[in-house]
C-alpha atoms as a PDB file:
ATOM      1  CA  UNK A   1     109.532  80.474 114.210  1.00  0.00           C
ATOM      2  CA  UNK A   2     112.931  78.966 114.968  1.00  0.00           C
ATOM      3  CA  UNK A   3     112.907  75.842 117.086  1.00  0.00           C
ATOM      4  CA  UNK A   4     115.873  73.584 117.696  1.00  0.00           C
ATOM      5  CA  UNK A   5     115.435  70.285 119.499  1.00  0.00           C
ATOM      6  CA  UNK A   6     118.572  68.757 120.974  1.00  0.00           C
ATOM      7  CA  UNK A   7     117.983  64.993 121.168  1.00  0.00           C
ATOM      8  CA  UNK A   8     120.740  64.592 123.750  1.00  0.00           C
ATOM      9  CA  UNK A   9     119.706  67.694 125.700  1.00  0.00           C
ATOM     10  CA  UNK A  10     118.866  67.500 129.375  1.00  0.00           C
ATOM     11  CA  UNK A  11     115.209  68.449 128.872  1.00  0.00           C
ATOM     12  CA  UNK A  12     112.578  66.318 127.178  1.00  0.00           C
ATOM     13  CA  UNK A  13     111.771  67.375 123.602  1.00  0.00           C
ATOM     14  CA  UNK A  14     108.283  68.631 124.542  1.00  0.00           C
ATOM     15  CA  UNK A  15     109.855  70.857 127.245  1.00  0.00           C
ATOM     16  CA  UNK A  16     112.455  72.205 124.812  1.00  0.00           C
ATOM     17  CA  UNK A  17     109.658  73.088 122.389  1.00  0.00           C
ATOM     18  CA  UNK A  18     107.462  74.594 125.118  1.00  0.00           C
ATOM     19  CA  UNK A  19     110.307  76.705 126.471  1.00  0.00           C
ATOM     20  CA  UNK A  20     111.424  78.008 123.075  1.00  0.00           C
ATOM     21  CA  UNK A  21     107.910  79.008 122.002  1.00  0.00           C
ATOM     22  CA  UNK A  22     107.292  80.690 125.375  1.00  0.00           C
ATOM     23  CA  UNK A  23     110.599  82.588 125.140  1.00  0.00           C
ATOM     24  CA  UNK A  24     109.890  83.718 121.579  1.00  0.00           C
ATOM     25  CA  UNK A  25     106.394  84.857 122.598  1.00  0.00           C
ATOM     26  CA  UNK A  26     107.813  86.748 125.583  1.00  0.00           C
ATOM     27  CA  UNK A  27     110.516  88.565 123.611  1.00  0.00           C
ATOM     28  CA  UNK A  28     108.194  89.406 120.708  1.00  0.00           C
ATOM     29  CA  UNK A  29     109.848  87.175 118.118  1.00  0.00           C
ATOM     30  CA  UNK A  30     106.443  85.487 117.909  1.00  0.00           C
ATOM     31  CA  UNK A  31     104.009  88.396 118.227  1.00  0.00           C
ATOM     32  CA  UNK A  32     100.452  88.130 119.566  1.00  0.00           C
ATOM     33  CA  UNK A  33      98.179  86.662 116.911  1.00  0.00           C
ATOM     34  CA  UNK A  34     100.968  84.753 115.149  1.00  0.00           C
ATOM     35  CA  UNK A  35      99.582  81.446 113.888  1.00  0.00           C
ATOM     36  CA  UNK A  36     101.598  78.394 114.885  1.00  0.00           C
ATOM     37  CA  UNK A  37     102.006  75.398 112.589  1.00  0.00           C
ATOM     38  CA  UNK A  38      99.622  72.516 113.066  1.00  0.00           C
ATOM     39  CA  UNK A  39     100.713  69.796 115.450  1.00  0.00           C
ATOM     40  CA  UNK A  40     101.349  67.369 112.603  1.00  0.00           C
ATOM     41  CA  UNK A  41     103.235  69.889 110.461  1.00  0.00           C
ATOM     42  CA  UNK A  42     105.510  70.973 113.312  1.00  0.00           C
ATOM     43  CA  UNK A  43     106.081  67.370 114.379  1.00  0.00           C
ATOM     44  CA  UNK A  44     107.154  66.500 110.834  1.00  0.00           C
ATOM     45  CA  UNK A  45     109.430  69.567 110.599  1.00  0.00           C
ATOM     46  CA  UNK A  46     111.135  68.802 113.913  1.00  0.00           C
ATOM     47  CA  UNK A  47     111.215  65.011 113.570  1.00  0.00           C
ATOM     48  CA  UNK A  48     109.062  64.551 116.664  1.00  0.00           C
ATOM     49  CA  UNK A  49     105.986  62.488 117.404  1.00  0.00           C
ATOM     50  CA  UNK A  50     102.721  64.394 117.031  1.00  0.00           C
ATOM     51  CA  UNK A  51     101.889  63.575 120.673  1.00  0.00           C
ATOM     52  CA  UNK A  52     105.085  65.343 121.770  1.00  0.00           C
ATOM     53  CA  UNK A  53     104.118  68.550 119.968  1.00  0.00           C
ATOM     54  CA  UNK A  54     100.524  68.259 121.208  1.00  0.00           C
ATOM     55  CA  UNK A  55     101.794  67.949 124.791  1.00  0.00           C
ATOM     56  CA  UNK A  56     103.884  71.121 124.379  1.00  0.00           C
ATOM     57  CA  UNK A  57     100.931  73.001 122.850  1.00  0.00           C
ATOM     58  CA  UNK A  58      98.686  71.901 125.763  1.00  0.00           C
ATOM     59  CA  UNK A  59     101.273  73.142 128.278  1.00  0.00           C
ATOM     60  CA  UNK A  60     101.577  76.452 126.416  1.00  0.00           C
ATOM     61  CA  UNK A  61      97.800  76.809 126.422  1.00  0.00           C
ATOM     62  CA  UNK A  62      97.648  76.063 130.157  1.00  0.00           C
ATOM     63  CA  UNK A  63     100.270  78.789 130.681  1.00  0.00           C
ATOM     64  CA  UNK A  64      98.211  81.144 128.472  1.00  0.00           C
ATOM     65  CA  UNK A  65     101.057  81.581 126.009  1.00  0.00           C
ATOM     66  CA  UNK A  66      98.916  80.287 123.140  1.00  0.00           C
ATOM     67  CA  UNK A  67      95.218  80.146 122.370  1.00  0.00           C
ATOM     68  CA  UNK A  68      93.610  77.407 120.310  1.00  0.00           C
ATOM     69  CA  UNK A  69      90.646  78.385 118.165  1.00  0.00           C
ATOM     70  CA  UNK A  70      89.380  75.000 116.991  1.00  0.00           C
ATOM     71  CA  UNK A  71      89.909  74.391 113.297  1.00  0.00           C
ATOM     72  CA  UNK A  72      91.248  77.935 112.840  1.00  0.00           C
ATOM     73  CA  UNK A  73      94.447  76.882 114.579  1.00  0.00           C
ATOM     74  CA  UNK A  74      96.721  77.798 117.457  1.00  0.00           C
ATOM     75  CA  UNK A  75      97.910  81.373 117.929  1.00  0.00           C
ATOM     76  CA  UNK A  76     100.250  83.265 120.208  1.00  0.00           C
ATOM     77  CA  UNK A  77      97.999  84.807 122.857  1.00  0.00           C
ATOM     78  CA  UNK A  78      97.841  88.501 123.429  1.00  0.00           C
ATOM     79  CA  UNK A  79      99.625  89.308 126.653  1.00  0.00           C
ATOM     80  CA  UNK A  80      97.111  90.934 128.920  1.00  0.00           C
ATOM     81  CA  UNK A  81      98.690  92.992 131.645  1.00  0.00           C
ATOM     82  CA  UNK A  82      95.589  92.640 133.806  1.00  0.00           C
ATOM     83  CA  UNK A  83      95.113  88.904 133.552  1.00  0.00           C
ATOM     84  CA  UNK A  84      93.695  87.687 136.909  1.00  0.00           C
ATOM     85  CA  UNK A  85      96.311  84.938 137.281  1.00  0.00           C
ATOM     86  CA  UNK A  86      99.134  87.391 136.556  1.00  0.00           C
ATOM     87  CA  UNK A  87      97.684  89.922 138.999  1.00  0.00           C
ATOM     88  CA  UNK A  88      97.467  87.274 141.720  1.00  0.00           C
ATOM     89  CA  UNK A  89     101.036  86.076 141.167  1.00  0.00           C
ATOM     90  CA  UNK A  90     102.394  89.630 141.182  1.00  0.00           C
ATOM     91  CA  UNK A  91     100.471  90.539 144.341  1.00  0.00           C
ATOM     92  CA  UNK A  92     101.701  87.364 146.090  1.00  0.00           C
ATOM     93  CA  UNK A  93     105.298  88.170 145.158  1.00  0.00           C
ATOM     94  CA  UNK A  94     105.019  91.751 146.447  1.00  0.00           C
ATOM     95  CA  UNK A  95     103.530  90.557 149.749  1.00  0.00           C
ATOM     96  CA  UNK A  96     106.257  87.947 150.178  1.00  0.00           C
ATOM     97  CA  UNK A  97     109.013  90.448 149.335  1.00  0.00           C
ATOM     98  CA  UNK A  98     107.616  92.904 151.897  1.00  0.00           C
ATOM     99  CA  UNK A  99     107.389  90.180 154.562  1.00  0.00           C
ATOM    100  CA  UNK A 100     111.037  89.356 153.857  1.00  0.00           C
ATOM    101  CA  UNK A 101     111.941  93.015 154.397  1.00  0.00           C
ATOM    102  CA  UNK A 102     113.015  93.677 150.802  1.00  0.00           C
ATOM    103  CA  UNK A 103     112.874  97.169 149.375  1.00  0.00           C
ATOM    104  CA  UNK A 104     111.145  97.715 146.034  1.00  0.00           C
ATOM    105  CA  UNK A 105     114.533  97.980 144.295  1.00  0.00           C
ATOM    106  CA  UNK A 106     115.753  94.766 145.927  1.00  0.00           C
ATOM    107  CA  UNK A 107     112.595  92.907 144.874  1.00  0.00           C
ATOM    108  CA  UNK A 108     113.009  94.122 141.291  1.00  0.00           C
ATOM    109  CA  UNK A 109     116.691  93.126 141.234  1.00  0.00           C
ATOM    110  CA  UNK A 110     115.710  89.674 142.482  1.00  0.00           C
ATOM    111  CA  UNK A 111     113.217  89.286 139.621  1.00  0.00           C
ATOM    112  CA  UNK A 112     115.831  90.460 137.121  1.00  0.00           C
ATOM    113  CA  UNK A 113     118.361  87.968 138.498  1.00  0.00           C
ATOM    114  CA  UNK A 114     116.048  85.026 137.832  1.00  0.00           C
ATOM    115  CA  UNK A 115     114.361  86.339 134.657  1.00  0.00           C
ATOM    116  CA  UNK A 116     116.687  84.413 132.316  1.00  0.00           C
END
């Protein structure tokens, strides 16, 4: 896991950490089942407060990027294609795109434009 926190960056350190873990989970750098360091260990490695790392882990768990299994630790979640929240978001986007008169190709290009 490669995480770089820019102290003078525009985003708060917890957001930088959250974003980088989410990106690495999405692109497969951190595969499903990968165990993340403990909050204290990662905080020490990055020079952050433990509460900052804990806040990022909580946000990642809320976004279903990670799963916490008690004392066993925190792991990158398996990406389920048929997750109810994902299904709902995708359906809402399709309905909105259709109401706006977009073709399927236009809707896909719009997603690709904002994917980064």
